[in-house]
Amino acid sequence: MKTSSTSPAAPRHCNDPRRALLDDYALGKLSPEKMEALEAHYFSCDECLRDLQLRERLVRYLRDQNGEISLAAHVYLLPRPGRIRTRLYGAAAAALLILTLLRAFLVPLPSPRDHELRSDYQQQYGPAFAANPAFEARMKQSLRSAGTVAVQSPANGAILSPPFHFRWSRDSAGTAPAVFTLTIFNNRLELIRTYITPGDVISCPIEIPPGRYYWTLETPYATLHRGSFLVLPSGRVPYLPRPEALPPEARL
């Protein structure tokens, strides 16, 4: 199966012309037709809905402080002599609030939904990335036959995406075996795939769920290399049948 890696999506910015109506909508100055047009848009645009909610909060706050306001221009209300200082303090507080909200446009604060998604993400993927202490200890052990090949890729702990490529080179003395066995496990040391090859490279066009994986390169007589790699989430977690459910020809 041919797959392609995906990169994280860049932050989306809404370019819909109806976005320009947000200020007048928050102030209640739109005609019914324009209100319906904007509502049809922001109910399907998270960015505009969030910005509209911030504008409505700002309008309510400033109306409580200063009466009628406009988001499109500064309005100067002539205060009574006895309230000049109070109005100055109120204007300073309003300016601080505006700066805070503008900063929120650039760096939105996590919403309860964000925390919920982060919790679901951790529950779904967290255990799959945990290191396996037993195999990690084996990786640190020296291998008697390790010098017969030099593993070129992947580096230990590398982040990979399908298809996975494993490469190694034989020693110049020609003492490397004629056949190699490459085995891939998940972090619970459950078998994922086994490949047998007389060559020095194996490409694995398989899709596996996100997580930490381990692999070994062996001969019929010895283990030549032990390593690990990571597969990151890409928006879709493919279903991988257990090895015993696969036909014999698909296990190699």
Protein backbone atom coordinates (compact mmCIF):
# COMPACT_ATOMS: atom_id res chain seq x y z
CA MET A 1 0.00 0.00 0.00
CA LYS A 2 1.45 3.34 -1.01
CA THR A 3 1.20 6.05 1.58
CA SER A 4 2.62 9.49 2.02
CA SER A 5 3.71 11.29 5.13
CA THR A 6 1.85 14.36 6.25
CA SER A 7 3.16 17.40 8.04
CA PRO A 8 1.31 19.32 10.74
CA ALA A 9 -1.24 21.73 9.30
CA ALA A 10 -0.37 25.42 9.55
CA PRO A 11 -2.67 27.65 11.68
CA ARG A 12 -5.75 28.53 9.63
CA HIS A 13 -6.75 32.16 9.07
CA CYS A 14 -10.23 32.91 7.79
CA ASN A 15 -10.31 34.98 4.58
CA ASP A 16 -14.09 35.01 4.17
CA PRO A 17 -15.31 38.58 3.38
CA ARG A 18 -18.11 38.13 5.91
CA ARG A 19 -15.48 38.28 8.66
CA ALA A 20 -15.47 42.09 8.22
CA LEU A 21 -19.03 42.16 9.61
CA LEU A 22 -18.04 40.90 13.08
CA ASP A 23 -17.74 44.37 14.66
CA ASP A 24 -21.13 45.60 13.46
CA TYR A 25 -22.73 42.30 14.43
CA ALA A 26 -21.40 42.60 17.99
CA LEU A 27 -22.79 46.15 18.16
CA GLY A 28 -26.19 45.10 16.74
CA LYS A 29 -25.88 47.31 13.66
CA LEU A 30 -26.40 44.73 10.91
CA SER A 31 -29.49 44.30 8.78
CA PRO A 32 -31.35 40.98 9.14
CA GLU A 33 -30.01 39.82 5.77
CA LYS A 34 -26.38 40.48 6.73
CA MET A 35 -26.92 38.92 10.16
CA GLU A 36 -28.16 35.72 8.53
CA ALA A 37 -25.22 35.71 6.12
CA LEU A 38 -22.68 36.10 8.95
CA GLU A 39 -24.39 33.51 11.16
CA ALA A 40 -24.33 31.00 8.32
CA HIS A 41 -20.56 31.54 8.18
CA TYR A 42 -19.43 31.68 11.81
CA PHE A 43 -21.38 28.59 12.85
CA SER A 44 -19.01 26.65 10.59
CA CYS A 45 -15.85 28.73 11.28
CA ASP A 46 -14.27 28.22 14.70
CA GLU A 47 -11.97 31.21 14.24
CA CYS A 48 -14.76 33.71 13.51
CA LEU A 49 -16.97 32.26 16.24
CA ARG A 50 -14.19 32.68 18.81
CA ASP A 51 -13.44 36.23 17.66
CA LEU A 52 -17.13 37.17 17.77
CA GLN A 53 -17.45 35.88 21.32
CA LEU A 54 -14.46 37.98 22.37
CA ARG A 55 -15.95 41.06 20.72
CA GLU A 56 -19.28 40.54 22.45
CA ARG A 57 -17.53 40.25 25.81
CA LEU A 58 -15.61 43.44 25.09
CA VAL A 59 -18.80 45.28 24.08
CA ARG A 60 -20.59 44.24 27.26
CA TYR A 61 -17.69 45.33 29.43
CA LEU A 62 -17.21 48.73 27.80
CA ARG A 63 -20.93 49.46 27.78
CA ASP A 64 -21.03 48.78 31.51
CA GLN A 65 -18.18 51.25 31.94
CA ASN A 66 -18.83 54.03 29.44
CA GLY A 67 -22.24 53.64 27.83
CA GLU A 68 -22.44 53.54 24.02
CA ILE A 69 -19.21 52.56 22.25
CA SER A 70 -17.90 51.82 18.78
CA LEU A 71 -15.32 49.20 17.91
CA ALA A 72 -14.45 50.99 14.67
CA ALA A 73 -13.38 54.34 16.17
CA HIS A 74 -12.47 55.91 19.51
CA VAL A 75 -15.34 57.76 21.20
CA TYR A 76 -14.58 60.56 23.62
CA LEU A 77 -17.27 61.19 26.23
CA LEU A 78 -16.93 64.50 28.07
CA PRO A 79 -16.95 63.55 31.77
CA ARG A 80 -18.33 65.64 34.57
CA PRO A 81 -15.61 67.54 36.43
CA GLY A 82 -15.91 65.36 39.50
CA ARG A 83 -15.41 62.15 37.49
CA ILE A 84 -12.40 63.01 35.32
CA ARG A 85 -10.01 60.88 37.35
CA THR A 86 -12.48 57.96 37.51
CA ARG A 87 -12.94 58.06 33.74
CA LEU A 88 -9.18 58.09 33.20
CA TYR A 89 -8.81 54.99 35.34
CA GLY A 90 -11.70 53.36 33.48
CA ALA A 91 -10.14 54.21 30.10
CA ALA A 92 -6.81 52.75 31.22
CA ALA A 93 -8.53 49.55 32.37
CA ALA A 94 -10.43 49.32 29.06
CA ALA A 95 -7.21 49.82 27.08
CA LEU A 96 -5.55 47.05 29.09
CA LEU A 97 -8.47 44.75 28.40
CA ILE A 98 -8.34 45.53 24.67
CA LEU A 99 -4.62 44.73 24.57
CA THR A 100 -5.26 41.47 26.41
CA LEU A 101 -8.00 40.47 23.98
CA LEU A 102 -5.91 41.42 20.96
CA ARG A 103 -3.12 39.23 22.28
CA ALA A 104 -5.68 36.44 22.62
CA PHE A 105 -6.34 36.74 18.87
CA LEU A 106 -2.67 35.96 18.23
CA VAL A 107 -2.15 33.38 20.99
CA PRO A 108 -5.57 31.91 21.88
CA LEU A 109 -5.86 30.55 25.40
CA PRO A 110 -6.66 26.82 25.65
CA SER A 111 -10.40 26.26 25.78
CA PRO A 112 -12.06 23.48 27.80
CA ARG A 113 -12.43 21.65 24.49
CA ASP A 114 -8.65 21.94 23.94
CA HIS A 115 -8.01 20.33 27.33
CA GLU A 116 -10.55 17.62 26.53
CA LEU A 117 -8.88 16.86 23.20
CA ARG A 118 -5.44 16.86 24.83
CA SER A 119 -6.70 14.40 27.46
CA ASP A 120 -8.22 12.15 24.79
CA TYR A 121 -4.98 12.35 22.79
CA GLN A 122 -2.94 11.32 25.84
CA GLN A 123 -5.28 8.44 26.63
CA GLN A 124 -5.30 7.24 23.04
CA TYR A 125 -1.62 7.55 22.19
CA GLY A 126 0.28 7.92 25.49
CA PRO A 127 0.69 4.23 26.37
CA ALA A 128 1.81 3.41 22.82
CA PHE A 129 4.87 5.67 23.21
CA ALA A 130 6.03 4.30 26.56
CA ALA A 131 9.47 2.69 26.53
CA ASN A 132 9.74 -1.03 27.20
CA PRO A 133 12.29 -1.41 30.03
CA ALA A 134 13.24 -4.99 29.10
CA PHE A 135 14.04 -4.20 25.47
CA GLU A 136 15.72 -0.90 26.37
CA ALA A 137 18.07 -2.88 28.61
CA ARG A 138 18.82 -5.32 25.77
CA MET A 139 19.64 -2.43 23.44
CA LYS A 140 22.42 -1.36 25.82
CA GLN A 141 24.03 -4.78 25.83
CA SER A 142 27.00 -5.38 23.54
CA LEU A 143 26.46 -7.88 20.74
CA ARG A 144 29.20 -10.34 19.84
CA SER A 145 28.39 -10.29 16.11
CA ALA A 146 27.60 -6.57 15.83
CA GLY A 147 30.79 -5.84 13.88
CA THR A 148 29.77 -7.94 10.90
CA VAL A 149 27.35 -5.21 9.72
CA ALA A 150 27.10 -1.44 10.13
CA VAL A 151 23.52 -0.14 10.40
CA GLN A 152 23.09 3.04 8.36
CA SER A 153 19.42 3.79 9.03
CA PRO A 154 17.30 4.33 10.93
CA ALA A 155 19.18 5.94 13.79
CA ASN A 156 18.11 4.77 17.21
CA GLY A 157 14.99 6.70 18.31
CA ALA A 158 14.42 8.21 14.85
CA ILE A 159 10.96 9.46 13.83
CA LEU A 160 9.80 7.56 10.74
CA SER A 161 6.81 7.58 8.42
CA PRO A 162 5.82 4.86 5.94
CA PRO A 163 7.32 3.37 3.93
CA PHE A 164 10.01 2.48 6.46
CA HIS A 165 13.54 1.93 5.14
CA PHE A 166 16.19 -0.13 6.93
CA ARG A 167 19.75 -0.11 5.54
CA TRP A 168 23.02 -1.66 6.63
CA SER A 169 26.39 -2.47 5.09
CA ARG A 170 28.47 -5.61 5.36
CA ASP A 171 31.99 -5.65 6.72
CA SER A 172 34.84 -5.50 4.22
CA ALA A 173 36.14 -8.92 5.28
CA GLY A 174 33.06 -10.59 3.80
CA THR A 175 32.18 -12.41 7.01
CA ALA A 176 28.57 -11.21 7.05
CA PRO A 177 25.93 -13.93 6.59
CA ALA A 178 24.09 -14.49 3.34
CA VAL A 179 20.59 -14.04 4.79
CA PHE A 180 19.25 -11.46 7.26
CA THR A 181 16.02 -11.48 9.28
CA LEU A 182 14.49 -8.13 10.28
CA THR A 183 11.73 -8.20 12.90
CA ILE A 184 9.55 -5.28 14.06
CA PHE A 185 7.77 -5.22 17.46
CA ASN A 186 5.53 -2.70 19.20
CA ASN A 187 6.42 -1.38 22.66
CA ARG A 188 4.67 -4.38 24.24
CA LEU A 189 7.05 -6.62 22.25
CA GLU A 190 4.18 -7.98 20.16
CA LEU A 191 5.26 -9.06 16.70
CA ILE A 192 4.33 -6.63 13.89
CA ARG A 193 6.22 -7.95 10.85
CA THR A 194 9.15 -10.19 9.93
CA TYR A 195 11.22 -9.80 6.75
CA ILE A 196 13.91 -12.11 5.36
CA THR A 197 16.35 -10.83 2.74
CA PRO A 198 19.76 -11.66 1.28
CA GLY A 199 20.33 -7.94 0.56
CA ASP A 200 21.38 -4.90 2.55
CA VAL A 201 18.14 -2.89 2.50
CA ILE A 202 14.48 -3.52 3.33
CA SER A 203 11.57 -1.19 2.55
CA CYS A 204 8.43 -1.81 4.58
CA PRO A 205 5.34 -0.33 2.85
CA ILE A 206 3.09 -0.91 5.85
CA GLU A 207 0.93 1.42 7.90
CA ILE A 208 1.14 1.01 11.66
CA PRO A 209 -0.50 3.01 14.44
CA PRO A 210 1.42 5.83 16.16
CA GLY A 211 3.76 4.69 18.91
CA ARG A 212 7.21 3.42 19.85
CA TYR A 213 8.55 0.43 17.94
CA TYR A 214 11.57 -1.83 18.29
CA TRP A 215 13.40 -3.82 15.65
CA THR A 216 16.13 -6.43 15.44
CA LEU A 217 18.47 -7.54 12.68
CA GLU A 218 19.46 -11.17 13.05
CA THR A 219 21.01 -14.17 11.34
CA PRO A 220 20.07 -17.79 12.02
CA TYR A 221 22.90 -17.83 14.57
CA ALA A 222 23.15 -14.39 16.20
CA THR A 223 21.58 -10.97 16.78
CA LEU A 224 23.44 -8.23 14.90
CA HIS A 225 21.52 -5.11 15.96
CA ARG A 226 18.71 -3.89 18.20
CA GLY A 227 17.07 -0.47 17.71
CA SER A 228 13.94 1.62 18.15
CA PHE A 229 11.95 4.18 16.17
CA LEU A 230 8.84 6.35 16.60
CA VAL A 231 5.77 6.80 14.41
CA LEU A 232 3.86 10.04 15.07
CA PRO A 233 0.10 10.55 14.64
CA SER A 234 -0.88 11.83 11.20
CA GLY A 235 -4.61 12.35 11.65
CA ARG A 236 -5.60 8.76 10.84
CA VAL A 237 -4.81 5.62 12.82
CA PRO A 238 -4.94 2.64 10.46
CA TYR A 239 -6.24 -0.70 11.64
CA LEU A 240 -3.47 -3.28 11.83
CA PRO A 241 -4.64 -6.91 12.16
CA ARG A 242 -2.76 -9.07 14.61
CA PRO A 243 0.02 -11.14 12.97
CA GLU A 244 -1.75 -14.44 13.61
CA ALA A 245 -4.74 -13.10 11.63
CA LEU A 246 -2.59 -12.49 8.57
CA PRO A 247 -2.09 -15.13 5.86
CA PRO A 248 1.40 -16.72 5.95
CA GLU A 249 2.58 -14.91 2.81
CA ALA A 250 1.73 -11.52 4.37
CA ARG A 251 3.81 -12.09 7.48
CA LEU A 252 7.13 -11.99 5.61
